[in-house]
Protein backbone atom coordinates (compact mmCIF):
# COMPACT_ATOMS: atom_id res chain seq x y z
CA MET A 1 12.87 35.03 15.29
CA LYS A 2 10.32 36.28 12.59
CA ASP A 3 6.79 35.76 13.34
CA CYS A 4 5.86 33.95 9.85
CA THR A 5 4.37 30.71 8.78
CA ARG A 6 6.75 28.24 7.23
CA GLN A 7 5.57 25.72 4.82
CA PHE A 8 7.06 22.11 4.15
CA THR A 9 5.90 19.04 2.28
CA LEU A 10 6.93 15.36 3.11
CA ASN A 11 6.52 13.73 0.01
CA GLN A 12 8.52 10.73 1.24
CA ASN A 13 6.49 8.51 -1.35
CA THR A 14 5.91 9.17 -4.97
CA PRO A 15 2.22 8.61 -6.25
CA ASP A 16 3.46 5.46 -8.15
CA GLU A 17 4.92 4.01 -5.04
CA MET A 18 1.75 4.66 -3.03
CA GLU A 19 -0.40 3.12 -5.86
CA GLU A 20 1.84 0.05 -5.78
CA VAL A 21 1.41 -0.36 -2.16
CA LEU A 22 -2.26 0.12 -2.28
CA LYS A 23 -2.55 -2.47 -5.01
CA THR A 24 -0.38 -5.07 -3.05
CA VAL A 25 -2.31 -4.33 0.14
CA TYR A 26 -5.75 -4.46 -1.90
CA GLU A 27 -4.79 -7.92 -3.32
CA ALA A 28 -3.72 -9.34 -0.04
CA LEU A 29 -7.09 -8.33 1.59
CA VAL A 30 -8.89 -10.02 -1.20
CA GLU A 31 -6.96 -13.26 -1.10
CA LYS A 32 -7.90 -13.26 2.85
CA GLY A 33 -11.52 -12.85 1.96
CA TYR A 34 -11.81 -9.08 3.35
CA ASN A 35 -13.49 -6.23 1.73
CA PRO A 36 -10.48 -4.46 0.94
CA ILE A 37 -12.21 -0.85 0.50
CA ASN A 38 -13.68 -1.15 3.86
CA GLN A 39 -10.44 -2.28 5.43
CA ILE A 40 -8.17 0.43 3.77
CA VAL A 41 -10.64 3.16 4.68
CA GLY A 42 -10.78 1.79 8.33
CA TYR A 43 -7.09 1.96 8.38
CA ILE A 44 -6.90 5.45 6.72
CA LEU A 45 -9.41 6.96 9.41
CA SER A 46 -8.01 5.16 12.41
CA GLU A 47 -4.45 4.60 11.67
CA ASP A 48 -5.15 1.11 13.49
CA PRO A 49 -2.90 -1.42 11.55
CA THR A 50 -5.17 -4.42 12.52
CA TYR A 51 -7.51 -3.16 9.66
CA ILE A 52 -4.67 -4.53 7.38
CA THR A 53 -3.77 -8.22 7.07
CA THR A 54 -0.41 -9.43 7.51
CA HIS A 55 -0.72 -11.60 4.46
CA ASN A 56 1.95 -10.94 1.81
CA ASN A 57 3.52 -8.25 4.14
CA ALA A 58 0.54 -6.00 3.34
CA ARG A 59 0.38 -4.37 6.90
CA SER A 60 4.13 -3.55 6.91
CA LEU A 61 3.90 -1.96 3.53
CA ILE A 62 0.95 0.29 4.19
CA ARG A 63 2.39 1.67 7.42
CA LYS A 64 5.47 2.77 5.36
CA ILE A 65 3.25 5.28 3.71
CA ASP A 66 2.35 8.63 5.40
CA ARG A 67 -1.68 8.49 5.65
CA ASP A 68 -1.97 12.21 5.03
CA GLU A 69 -0.06 11.97 1.93
CA LEU A 70 -1.99 8.91 0.84
CA LEU A 71 -5.35 10.67 1.33
CA GLN A 72 -4.17 13.74 -0.43
CA GLU A 73 -3.04 11.69 -3.36
CA LEU A 74 -6.37 9.70 -3.35
CA VAL A 75 -8.49 13.00 -3.26
CA LYS A 76 -6.18 14.51 -6.04
CA SER A 77 -6.53 11.32 -8.05
CA TYR A 78 -10.45 11.25 -7.73
CA LEU A 79 -10.76 14.80 -8.64
CA GLN A 80 -8.50 14.71 -11.62
CA GLY A 81 -10.29 11.42 -12.81
CA LYS A 82 -7.16 9.36 -12.89
């Protein structure tokens, strides 16, 4: 076995899919009276699904997205001014 570093990427979700899920989750949190930014950040940092409401299936939707990929896309989007 060679002693080399292998690289791989997950990219299970496209940026558009992640954006759509985030918008849906955001809207569900607003409808339930939560501060959506705080709740989404809490989920990303902790992976605790209870930060996200079950309203409109938001909790199930956000758990389908890899948090590392989501964070990477958010940082990239922020830095590129999207």
